[in-house]
Amino acid sequence: MALTLFSRRPAPAPAAAPVEPEPWFETGETWTPEGVTVVERYWTQVHAVVLVYTAAQGYRHSVACLGCHYQETQYKVRYSSLLTLEQAAELANAHAAQCRAVPREIPARPDEPAARELLRAAVRGMRKRDYGAFCFSDLDTQRLVLQRTNDWIVDELGRMADEEPDVLKASVSEYGTTFYIQELPGR
């Protein structure tokens, strides 16, 4: 009888139900784009949504309107700097107060080939105006369209460096991989 008392195991805990995101009260949608964290939402005069989001662990914010094409990643005072949450909220609120754009559809997540081409086009566009070390903050305005994680972007940048070494170069060190945009010929 003593053996039966000690051989009992507690019942397994029930599996937790998957957490569904709260729908936006403005649109009834539950859209959460992959690769970014939506921090705040503002509602424009005609009910479009202005997002404050981050793609960099909360220290670099961006603003984008889902009604018009307004996007901002820098705060311009006397110099350009990355947006803090307070600055991004100020810009989003100011834009929402004056924007009269009709709400557009929430951007659909592109398939792999389309996302790959969007990323490559963005990198090639950076090559035209500058060269040097690639910075992820340069892609902040593309993140709502790409809807991909940083890991996916790093993998695709690695493929691009292998396939198009005249555009992008990869350098691996003990600290990770650094990508360099190559100078245009004839500059």
N, C-alpha and C. Protein backbone atom coordinates (compact mmCIF):
# COMPACT_ATOMS: atom_id res chain seq x y z
N MET A 1 0.83 -1.19 0.00
CA MET A 1 0.00 0.00 0.00
C MET A 1 0.87 1.25 0.00
N ALA A 2 1.98 1.24 0.68
CA ALA A 2 2.86 2.40 0.71
C ALA A 2 3.41 2.70 -0.67
N LEU A 3 3.65 1.67 -1.48
CA LEU A 3 4.17 1.90 -2.82
C LEU A 3 3.16 2.61 -3.71
N THR A 4 1.89 2.35 -3.53
CA THR A 4 0.89 3.00 -4.36
C THR A 4 0.74 4.47 -4.00
N LEU A 5 1.00 4.86 -2.77
CA LEU A 5 0.89 6.27 -2.39
C LEU A 5 1.99 7.10 -3.06
N PHE A 6 3.17 6.52 -3.20
CA PHE A 6 4.29 7.28 -3.75
C PHE A 6 4.38 7.18 -5.27
N SER A 7 3.65 6.29 -5.88
CA SER A 7 3.75 6.15 -7.33
C SER A 7 2.77 7.07 -8.07
N ARG A 8 1.96 7.78 -7.38
CA ARG A 8 1.02 8.69 -8.04
C ARG A 8 1.76 9.94 -8.54
N ARG A 9 1.36 10.39 -9.66
CA ARG A 9 1.94 11.59 -10.26
C ARG A 9 0.85 12.65 -10.36
N PRO A 10 1.25 13.90 -10.20
CA PRO A 10 0.23 14.95 -10.36
C PRO A 10 -0.26 15.00 -11.81
N ALA A 11 -1.48 15.40 -11.96
CA ALA A 11 -2.06 15.51 -13.30
C ALA A 11 -1.30 16.59 -14.08
N PRO A 12 -1.07 16.38 -15.37
CA PRO A 12 -0.36 17.39 -16.15
C PRO A 12 -1.17 18.68 -16.23
N ALA A 13 -0.47 19.78 -16.25
CA ALA A 13 -1.14 21.08 -16.34
C ALA A 13 -1.77 21.22 -17.72
N PRO A 14 -2.95 21.82 -17.79
CA PRO A 14 -3.59 21.98 -19.09
C PRO A 14 -2.76 22.93 -19.97
N ALA A 15 -2.77 22.65 -21.26
CA ALA A 15 -2.01 23.49 -22.21
C ALA A 15 -2.64 24.87 -22.26
N ALA A 16 -1.78 25.88 -22.25
CA ALA A 16 -2.27 27.25 -22.31
C ALA A 16 -2.84 27.53 -23.70
N ALA A 17 -3.95 28.21 -23.72
CA ALA A 17 -4.57 28.58 -24.99
C ALA A 17 -3.71 29.65 -25.67
N PRO A 18 -3.60 29.59 -26.98
CA PRO A 18 -2.81 30.63 -27.67
C PRO A 18 -3.42 32.00 -27.44
N VAL A 19 -2.56 32.98 -27.22
CA VAL A 19 -3.03 34.33 -26.92
C VAL A 19 -3.32 35.04 -28.23
N GLU A 20 -4.54 35.48 -28.39
CA GLU A 20 -4.94 36.25 -29.56
C GLU A 20 -4.74 37.72 -29.27
N PRO A 21 -4.17 38.48 -30.20
CA PRO A 21 -4.01 39.91 -29.95
C PRO A 21 -5.36 40.61 -29.87
N GLU A 22 -5.39 41.67 -29.09
CA GLU A 22 -6.61 42.46 -28.96
C GLU A 22 -6.88 43.18 -30.28
N PRO A 23 -8.12 43.17 -30.77
CA PRO A 23 -8.41 43.90 -32.00
C PRO A 23 -8.27 45.40 -31.78
N TRP A 24 -7.85 46.10 -32.81
CA TRP A 24 -7.78 47.56 -32.74
C TRP A 24 -9.21 48.07 -32.67
N PHE A 25 -9.48 48.91 -31.73
CA PHE A 25 -10.85 49.42 -31.62
C PHE A 25 -11.21 50.30 -32.80
N GLU A 26 -10.21 50.88 -33.47
CA GLU A 26 -10.48 51.76 -34.59
C GLU A 26 -10.97 50.99 -35.81
N THR A 27 -10.38 49.83 -36.05
CA THR A 27 -10.68 49.10 -37.28
C THR A 27 -11.22 47.69 -37.04
N GLY A 28 -11.12 47.19 -35.83
CA GLY A 28 -11.54 45.83 -35.55
C GLY A 28 -10.53 44.79 -36.01
N GLU A 29 -9.37 45.22 -36.50
CA GLU A 29 -8.33 44.31 -36.99
C GLU A 29 -7.42 43.87 -35.85
N THR A 30 -6.71 42.79 -36.07
CA THR A 30 -5.73 42.31 -35.11
C THR A 30 -4.34 42.25 -35.75
N TRP A 31 -4.08 43.11 -36.70
CA TRP A 31 -2.84 43.08 -37.48
C TRP A 31 -1.64 43.41 -36.62
N THR A 32 -0.68 42.51 -36.58
CA THR A 32 0.61 42.76 -35.93
C THR A 32 1.69 42.32 -36.92
N PRO A 33 2.29 43.28 -37.61
CA PRO A 33 3.28 42.92 -38.63
C PRO A 33 4.50 42.25 -38.03
N GLU A 34 4.98 41.21 -38.70
CA GLU A 34 6.16 40.48 -38.24
C GLU A 34 7.39 41.37 -38.35
N GLY A 35 8.26 41.31 -37.35
CA GLY A 35 9.51 42.06 -37.39
C GLY A 35 9.45 43.42 -36.72
N VAL A 36 8.25 43.88 -36.36
CA VAL A 36 8.13 45.17 -35.67
C VAL A 36 7.21 45.00 -34.46
N THR A 37 7.36 45.92 -33.53
CA THR A 37 6.46 45.98 -32.38
C THR A 37 5.72 47.30 -32.43
N VAL A 38 4.40 47.24 -32.55
CA VAL A 38 3.59 48.46 -32.56
C VAL A 38 3.46 48.93 -31.12
N VAL A 39 3.93 50.15 -30.87
CA VAL A 39 3.96 50.68 -29.52
C VAL A 39 2.72 51.53 -29.24
N GLU A 40 2.36 52.38 -30.18
CA GLU A 40 1.19 53.26 -30.02
C GLU A 40 0.47 53.39 -31.35
N ARG A 41 -0.85 53.68 -31.26
CA ARG A 41 -1.66 53.93 -32.44
C ARG A 41 -2.42 55.24 -32.22
N TYR A 42 -2.49 56.03 -33.27
CA TYR A 42 -3.26 57.28 -33.24
C TYR A 42 -4.28 57.21 -34.37
N TRP A 43 -5.41 57.86 -34.15
CA TRP A 43 -6.51 57.84 -35.10
C TRP A 43 -6.60 59.20 -35.75
N THR A 44 -6.58 59.24 -37.10
CA THR A 44 -6.66 60.52 -37.81
C THR A 44 -8.10 61.01 -37.86
N GLN A 45 -8.29 62.17 -38.46
CA GLN A 45 -9.63 62.77 -38.54
C GLN A 45 -10.60 61.92 -39.36
N VAL A 46 -10.09 61.14 -40.31
CA VAL A 46 -10.94 60.33 -41.16
C VAL A 46 -10.78 58.84 -40.83
N HIS A 47 -10.27 58.56 -39.64
CA HIS A 47 -10.20 57.20 -39.10
C HIS A 47 -9.11 56.32 -39.70
N ALA A 48 -8.08 56.90 -40.26
CA ALA A 48 -6.89 56.12 -40.63
C ALA A 48 -6.05 55.98 -39.36
N VAL A 49 -5.17 55.02 -39.35
CA VAL A 49 -4.35 54.75 -38.17
C VAL A 49 -2.92 55.20 -38.42
N VAL A 50 -2.36 55.93 -37.45
CA VAL A 50 -0.96 56.32 -37.47
C VAL A 50 -0.26 55.46 -36.43
N LEU A 51 0.76 54.72 -36.86
CA LEU A 51 1.46 53.80 -35.97
C LEU A 51 2.78 54.38 -35.49
N VAL A 52 3.09 54.14 -34.24
CA VAL A 52 4.44 54.32 -33.71
C VAL A 52 4.94 52.90 -33.46
N TYR A 53 6.04 52.54 -34.13
CA TYR A 53 6.54 51.18 -34.02
C TYR A 53 8.05 51.17 -33.86
N THR A 54 8.56 50.03 -33.43
CA THR A 54 9.99 49.84 -33.28
C THR A 54 10.38 48.49 -33.85
N ALA A 55 11.56 48.45 -34.43
CA ALA A 55 12.10 47.19 -34.95
C ALA A 55 13.43 46.88 -34.28
N ALA A 56 13.80 47.65 -33.25
CA ALA A 56 15.14 47.54 -32.67
C ALA A 56 15.09 47.49 -31.15
N GLN A 57 14.38 46.55 -30.61
CA GLN A 57 14.33 46.31 -29.16
C GLN A 57 13.96 47.56 -28.36
N GLY A 58 13.17 48.45 -28.94
CA GLY A 58 12.60 49.55 -28.17
C GLY A 58 13.40 50.82 -28.06
N TYR A 59 14.55 50.95 -28.69
CA TYR A 59 15.29 52.20 -28.53
C TYR A 59 15.23 53.10 -29.76
N ARG A 60 14.72 52.63 -30.87
CA ARG A 60 14.65 53.41 -32.11
C ARG A 60 13.24 53.26 -32.65
N HIS A 61 12.51 54.36 -32.73
CA HIS A 61 11.11 54.31 -33.12
C HIS A 61 10.89 54.93 -34.50
N SER A 62 9.78 54.56 -35.11
CA SER A 62 9.39 55.08 -36.41
C SER A 62 7.91 55.40 -36.37
N VAL A 63 7.48 56.28 -37.28
CA VAL A 63 6.07 56.67 -37.38
C VAL A 63 5.62 56.41 -38.80
N ALA A 64 4.44 55.83 -38.97
CA ALA A 64 3.89 55.58 -40.31
C ALA A 64 2.38 55.73 -40.26
N CYS A 65 1.83 56.40 -41.27
CA CYS A 65 0.38 56.56 -41.39
C CYS A 65 -0.14 55.51 -42.35
N LEU A 66 -1.18 54.79 -41.95
CA LEU A 66 -1.79 53.79 -42.82
C LEU A 66 -2.85 54.39 -43.73
N GLY A 67 -2.99 55.73 -43.72
CA GLY A 67 -3.93 56.39 -44.62
C GLY A 67 -3.20 57.04 -45.78
N CYS A 68 -2.17 57.80 -45.46
CA CYS A 68 -1.36 58.44 -46.50
C CYS A 68 0.01 57.76 -46.52
N HIS A 69 0.97 58.38 -47.13
CA HIS A 69 2.29 57.78 -47.24
C HIS A 69 3.28 58.42 -46.28
N TYR A 70 2.82 59.03 -45.22
CA TYR A 70 3.70 59.69 -44.26
C TYR A 70 4.48 58.64 -43.47
N GLN A 71 5.81 58.83 -43.43
CA GLN A 71 6.69 58.01 -42.61
C GLN A 71 7.80 58.89 -42.07
N GLU A 72 8.19 58.64 -40.85
CA GLU A 72 9.27 59.42 -40.26
C GLU A 72 10.11 58.51 -39.37
N THR A 73 11.43 58.65 -39.51
CA THR A 73 12.35 57.87 -38.68
C THR A 73 13.34 58.74 -37.95
N GLN A 74 13.33 60.05 -38.25
CA GLN A 74 14.28 60.96 -37.61
C GLN A 74 13.58 62.21 -37.13
N TYR A 75 14.11 62.77 -36.09
CA TYR A 75 13.57 63.99 -35.51
C TYR A 75 14.49 65.13 -35.92
N LYS A 76 13.96 66.11 -36.61
CA LYS A 76 14.81 67.18 -37.13
C LYS A 76 14.68 68.43 -36.27
N VAL A 77 15.69 68.73 -35.55
CA VAL A 77 15.77 69.98 -34.80
C VAL A 77 16.88 70.78 -35.46
N ARG A 78 18.08 70.61 -35.01
CA ARG A 78 19.24 71.20 -35.69
C ARG A 78 20.04 70.12 -36.39
N TYR A 79 19.80 68.91 -36.04
CA TYR A 79 20.50 67.77 -36.61
C TYR A 79 19.53 66.61 -36.62
N SER A 80 19.85 65.59 -37.36
CA SER A 80 18.98 64.42 -37.42
C SER A 80 19.39 63.43 -36.34
N SER A 81 18.42 62.91 -35.65
CA SER A 81 18.68 61.89 -34.65
C SER A 81 17.58 60.85 -34.69
N LEU A 82 17.85 59.70 -34.15
CA LEU A 82 16.84 58.64 -34.09
C LEU A 82 15.71 59.07 -33.17
N LEU A 83 14.52 58.59 -33.46
CA LEU A 83 13.34 58.97 -32.69
C LEU A 83 13.25 58.21 -31.37
N THR A 84 13.07 58.96 -30.29
CA THR A 84 12.71 58.35 -29.02
C THR A 84 11.20 58.13 -29.03
N LEU A 85 10.69 57.42 -28.07
CA LEU A 85 9.25 57.18 -28.00
C LEU A 85 8.49 58.50 -27.86
N GLU A 86 8.98 59.41 -27.05
CA GLU A 86 8.31 60.69 -26.85
C GLU A 86 8.28 61.52 -28.14
N GLN A 87 9.40 61.55 -28.86
CA GLN A 87 9.45 62.30 -30.12
C GLN A 87 8.55 61.66 -31.17
N ALA A 88 8.55 60.33 -31.25
CA ALA A 88 7.70 59.64 -32.21
C ALA A 88 6.23 59.88 -31.89
N ALA A 89 5.88 59.86 -30.62
CA ALA A 89 4.49 60.13 -30.22
C ALA A 89 4.09 61.56 -30.59
N GLU A 90 4.99 62.50 -30.40
CA GLU A 90 4.72 63.89 -30.77
C GLU A 90 4.47 64.03 -32.28
N LEU A 91 5.33 63.42 -33.08
CA LEU A 91 5.16 63.47 -34.54
C LEU A 91 3.88 62.77 -34.98
N ALA A 92 3.59 61.60 -34.41
CA ALA A 92 2.39 60.85 -34.77
C ALA A 92 1.13 61.62 -34.40
N ASN A 93 1.11 62.22 -33.23
CA ASN A 93 -0.05 62.99 -32.80
C ASN A 93 -0.25 64.21 -33.68
N ALA A 94 0.83 64.91 -34.02
CA ALA A 94 0.73 66.08 -34.89
C ALA A 94 0.22 65.68 -36.27
N HIS A 95 0.72 64.57 -36.80
CA HIS A 95 0.26 64.12 -38.11
C HIS A 95 -1.21 63.69 -38.05
N ALA A 96 -1.58 62.95 -37.02
CA ALA A 96 -2.96 62.47 -36.90
C ALA A 96 -3.94 63.64 -36.79
N ALA A 97 -3.53 64.73 -36.16
CA ALA A 97 -4.41 65.88 -35.98
C ALA A 97 -4.71 66.58 -37.30
N GLN A 98 -3.79 66.50 -38.27
CA GLN A 98 -4.01 67.23 -39.52
C GLN A 98 -4.26 66.34 -40.74
N CYS A 99 -4.07 65.03 -40.64
CA CYS A 99 -4.21 64.13 -41.79
C CYS A 99 -5.69 63.89 -42.11
N ARG A 100 -6.02 64.02 -43.38
CA ARG A 100 -7.39 63.77 -43.83
C ARG A 100 -7.46 62.65 -44.86
N ALA A 101 -6.44 61.79 -44.86
CA ALA A 101 -6.41 60.68 -45.81
C ALA A 101 -7.41 59.60 -45.41
N VAL A 102 -8.04 59.02 -46.41
CA VAL A 102 -8.98 57.93 -46.19
C VAL A 102 -8.17 56.68 -45.84
N PRO A 103 -8.63 55.88 -44.88
CA PRO A 103 -7.87 54.68 -44.52
C PRO A 103 -7.69 53.74 -45.71
N ARG A 104 -6.48 53.22 -45.85
CA ARG A 104 -6.18 52.22 -46.88
C ARG A 104 -6.28 50.84 -46.24
N GLU A 105 -6.22 49.83 -47.10
CA GLU A 105 -6.19 48.46 -46.60
C GLU A 105 -4.90 48.23 -45.83
N ILE A 106 -4.95 47.36 -44.84
CA ILE A 106 -3.74 46.98 -44.11
C ILE A 106 -2.83 46.23 -45.09
N PRO A 107 -1.54 46.58 -45.11
CA PRO A 107 -0.63 45.94 -46.08
C PRO A 107 -0.60 44.42 -45.91
N ALA A 108 -0.74 43.72 -47.02
CA ALA A 108 -0.66 42.26 -46.99
C ALA A 108 0.80 41.84 -46.88
N ARG A 109 1.04 40.72 -46.22
CA ARG A 109 2.41 40.20 -46.09
C ARG A 109 2.85 39.64 -47.44
N PRO A 110 3.94 40.18 -48.00
CA PRO A 110 4.38 39.69 -49.31
C PRO A 110 4.93 38.27 -49.22
N ASP A 111 4.83 37.53 -50.33
CA ASP A 111 5.42 36.19 -50.34
C ASP A 111 6.94 36.32 -50.39
N GLU A 112 7.64 35.20 -50.23
CA GLU A 112 9.10 35.20 -50.13
C GLU A 112 9.79 35.88 -51.31
N PRO A 113 9.49 35.51 -52.57
CA PRO A 113 10.19 36.18 -53.68
C PRO A 113 9.93 37.69 -53.72
N ALA A 114 8.71 38.11 -53.43
CA ALA A 114 8.40 39.54 -53.45
C ALA A 114 9.13 40.28 -52.33
N ALA A 115 9.16 39.70 -51.14
CA ALA A 115 9.88 40.32 -50.02
C ALA A 115 11.37 40.37 -50.29
N ARG A 116 11.90 39.32 -50.88
CA ARG A 116 13.33 39.28 -51.23
C ARG A 116 13.66 40.41 -52.22
N GLU A 117 12.81 40.60 -53.22
CA GLU A 117 13.06 41.65 -54.22
C GLU A 117 12.88 43.04 -53.61
N LEU A 118 11.93 43.22 -52.70
CA LEU A 118 11.77 44.50 -52.01
C LEU A 118 13.03 44.86 -51.22
N LEU A 119 13.58 43.87 -50.51
CA LEU A 119 14.79 44.11 -49.73
C LEU A 119 15.97 44.44 -50.64
N ARG A 120 16.12 43.69 -51.70
CA ARG A 120 17.24 43.93 -52.61
C ARG A 120 17.12 45.29 -53.30
N ALA A 121 15.92 45.68 -53.65
CA ALA A 121 15.72 46.99 -54.27
C ALA A 121 16.06 48.11 -53.28
N ALA A 122 15.70 47.92 -52.02
CA ALA A 122 16.02 48.93 -51.00
C ALA A 122 17.53 49.06 -50.83
N VAL A 123 18.25 47.93 -50.80
CA VAL A 123 19.71 47.97 -50.64
C VAL A 123 20.35 48.60 -51.87
N ARG A 124 19.87 48.24 -53.05
CA ARG A 124 20.43 48.85 -54.27
C ARG A 124 20.17 50.35 -54.29
N GLY A 125 19.03 50.79 -53.78
CA GLY A 125 18.72 52.22 -53.70
C GLY A 125 19.65 52.95 -52.75
N MET A 126 20.05 52.32 -51.69
CA MET A 126 21.02 52.92 -50.76
C MET A 126 22.37 53.08 -51.43
N ARG A 127 22.69 52.16 -52.31
CA ARG A 127 23.98 52.20 -53.00
C ARG A 127 24.10 53.45 -53.87
N LYS A 128 23.03 53.90 -54.41
CA LYS A 128 23.06 55.06 -55.28
C LYS A 128 23.45 56.33 -54.53
N ARG A 129 23.04 56.44 -53.28
CA ARG A 129 23.29 57.68 -52.57
C ARG A 129 24.44 57.62 -51.58
N ASP A 130 24.86 56.43 -51.19
CA ASP A 130 25.90 56.33 -50.17
C ASP A 130 26.57 54.97 -50.25
N TYR A 131 27.69 54.86 -49.61
CA TYR A 131 28.35 53.57 -49.47
C TYR A 131 29.01 53.54 -48.10
N GLY A 132 29.27 52.37 -47.61
CA GLY A 132 29.85 52.20 -46.28
C GLY A 132 29.11 51.11 -45.55
N ALA A 133 29.22 51.10 -44.24
CA ALA A 133 28.58 50.06 -43.44
C ALA A 133 27.06 50.17 -43.54
N PHE A 134 26.42 49.03 -43.72
CA PHE A 134 24.96 48.95 -43.79
C PHE A 134 24.41 49.04 -42.37
N CYS A 135 23.38 49.81 -42.18
CA CYS A 135 22.75 49.97 -40.87
C CYS A 135 21.29 49.54 -40.96
N PHE A 136 20.83 48.74 -40.02
CA PHE A 136 19.44 48.28 -40.04
C PHE A 136 18.44 49.42 -39.93
N SER A 137 18.84 50.53 -39.35
CA SER A 137 17.91 51.66 -39.25
C SER A 137 17.56 52.21 -40.63
N ASP A 138 18.39 51.92 -41.64
CA ASP A 138 18.07 52.35 -43.01
C ASP A 138 16.84 51.63 -43.55
N LEU A 139 16.47 50.52 -42.97
CA LEU A 139 15.31 49.75 -43.43
C LEU A 139 14.05 50.02 -42.62
N ASP A 140 14.10 50.92 -41.66
CA ASP A 140 12.94 51.14 -40.79
C ASP A 140 11.68 51.53 -41.57
N THR A 141 11.83 52.32 -42.63
CA THR A 141 10.65 52.70 -43.40
C THR A 141 10.11 51.55 -44.24
N GLN A 142 10.92 50.52 -44.47
CA GLN A 142 10.50 49.37 -45.26
C GLN A 142 9.88 48.25 -44.41
N ARG A 143 9.99 48.34 -43.10
CA ARG A 143 9.61 47.22 -42.24
C ARG A 143 8.13 46.86 -42.30
N LEU A 144 7.24 47.84 -42.44
CA LEU A 144 5.81 47.53 -42.51
C LEU A 144 5.45 46.86 -43.83
N VAL A 145 6.22 47.10 -44.87
CA VAL A 145 5.98 46.46 -46.16
C VAL A 145 6.62 45.07 -46.19
N LEU A 146 7.86 44.97 -45.70
CA LEU A 146 8.57 43.68 -45.69
C LEU A 146 7.89 42.65 -44.78
N GLN A 147 7.56 43.09 -43.57
CA GLN A 147 6.96 42.22 -42.55
C GLN A 147 7.78 40.95 -42.35
N ARG A 148 9.07 41.15 -42.08
CA ARG A 148 9.98 40.04 -41.83
C ARG A 148 10.83 40.34 -40.61
N THR A 149 11.37 39.29 -39.99
CA THR A 149 12.19 39.43 -38.80
C THR A 149 13.61 39.84 -39.17
N ASN A 150 14.36 40.29 -38.17
CA ASN A 150 15.77 40.64 -38.39
C ASN A 150 16.57 39.44 -38.88
N ASP A 151 16.29 38.25 -38.34
CA ASP A 151 17.01 37.05 -38.77
C ASP A 151 16.80 36.77 -40.25
N TRP A 152 15.56 36.92 -40.73
CA TRP A 152 15.28 36.72 -42.14
C TRP A 152 16.05 37.74 -42.98
N ILE A 153 16.07 38.99 -42.53
CA ILE A 153 16.77 40.04 -43.27
C ILE A 153 18.26 39.76 -43.32
N VAL A 154 18.86 39.33 -42.20
CA VAL A 154 20.29 39.01 -42.19
C VAL A 154 20.58 37.86 -43.15
N ASP A 155 19.73 36.83 -43.15
CA ASP A 155 19.93 35.71 -44.07
C ASP A 155 19.87 36.17 -45.53
N GLU A 156 18.89 37.01 -45.84
CA GLU A 156 18.75 37.50 -47.21
C GLU A 156 19.89 38.42 -47.60
N LEU A 157 20.37 39.23 -46.66
CA LEU A 157 21.52 40.09 -46.96
C LEU A 157 22.76 39.23 -47.22
N GLY A 158 22.91 38.13 -46.50
CA GLY A 158 24.01 37.20 -46.74
C GLY A 158 23.93 36.60 -48.14
N ARG A 159 22.71 36.21 -48.55
CA ARG A 159 22.54 35.68 -49.90
C ARG A 159 22.87 36.74 -50.95
N MET A 160 22.42 37.96 -50.68
CA MET A 160 22.68 39.04 -51.62
C MET A 160 24.18 39.33 -51.73
N ALA A 161 24.89 39.28 -50.60
CA ALA A 161 26.34 39.50 -50.62
C ALA A 161 27.03 38.41 -51.44
N ASP A 162 26.53 37.17 -51.37
CA ASP A 162 27.11 36.08 -52.16
C ASP A 162 26.79 36.23 -53.65
N GLU A 163 25.54 36.63 -53.96
CA GLU A 163 25.10 36.69 -55.35
C GLU A 163 25.46 38.01 -56.04
N GLU A 164 25.56 39.10 -55.29
CA GLU A 164 25.85 40.41 -55.87
C GLU A 164 26.97 41.10 -55.09
N PRO A 165 28.20 40.59 -55.19
CA PRO A 165 29.30 41.17 -54.41
C PRO A 165 29.68 42.60 -54.83
N ASP A 166 29.27 43.02 -56.03
CA ASP A 166 29.53 44.39 -56.44
C ASP A 166 28.58 45.38 -55.78
N VAL A 167 27.50 44.89 -55.14
CA VAL A 167 26.53 45.74 -54.45
C VAL A 167 26.72 45.68 -52.94
N LEU A 168 26.90 44.49 -52.40
CA LEU A 168 26.95 44.30 -50.95
C LEU A 168 28.06 43.32 -50.59
N LYS A 169 28.81 43.65 -49.57
CA LYS A 169 29.90 42.78 -49.10
C LYS A 169 29.62 42.41 -47.65
N ALA A 170 29.91 41.18 -47.28
CA ALA A 170 29.73 40.71 -45.90
C ALA A 170 31.10 40.47 -45.28
N SER A 171 31.25 40.88 -44.04
CA SER A 171 32.48 40.66 -43.29
C SER A 171 32.10 40.01 -41.96
N VAL A 172 32.63 38.80 -41.73
CA VAL A 172 32.30 38.06 -40.52
C VAL A 172 33.44 38.22 -39.52
N SER A 173 33.08 38.55 -38.28
CA SER A 173 34.07 38.67 -37.21
C SER A 173 33.53 37.96 -35.98
N GLU A 174 34.28 38.03 -34.90
CA GLU A 174 33.82 37.38 -33.66
C GLU A 174 32.58 38.06 -33.09
N TYR A 175 32.29 39.28 -33.53
CA TYR A 175 31.14 40.03 -33.02
C TYR A 175 29.90 39.86 -33.88
N GLY A 176 30.03 39.19 -35.00
CA GLY A 176 28.89 38.98 -35.88
C GLY A 176 29.24 39.35 -37.31
N THR A 177 28.21 39.46 -38.12
CA THR A 177 28.38 39.79 -39.53
C THR A 177 28.07 41.27 -39.75
N THR A 178 28.95 41.95 -40.47
CA THR A 178 28.74 43.33 -40.85
C THR A 178 28.63 43.38 -42.36
N PHE A 179 27.65 44.12 -42.85
CA PHE A 179 27.46 44.26 -44.29
C PHE A 179 27.91 45.65 -44.71
N TYR A 180 28.53 45.73 -45.89
CA TYR A 180 29.03 46.99 -46.44
C TYR A 180 28.44 47.20 -47.82
N ILE A 181 27.83 48.36 -48.03
CA ILE A 181 27.33 48.73 -49.34
C ILE A 181 28.52 49.19 -50.16
N GLN A 182 28.66 48.65 -51.35
CA GLN A 182 29.81 48.93 -52.19
C GLN A 182 29.61 50.21 -53.00
N GLU A 183 30.69 50.89 -53.26
CA GLU A 183 30.67 52.13 -54.02
C GLU A 183 30.29 51.85 -55.47
N LEU A 184 29.53 52.77 -56.05
CA LEU A 184 29.19 52.64 -57.48
C LEU A 184 30.45 52.83 -58.31
N PRO A 185 30.60 52.09 -59.39
CA PRO A 185 31.77 52.29 -60.25
C PRO A 185 31.77 53.70 -60.85
N GLY A 186 32.95 54.28 -60.98
CA GLY A 186 33.06 55.59 -61.58
C GLY A 186 32.83 56.74 -60.64
N ARG A 187 32.74 56.50 -59.35
CA ARG A 187 32.54 57.58 -58.37
C ARG A 187 33.82 58.17 -57.97
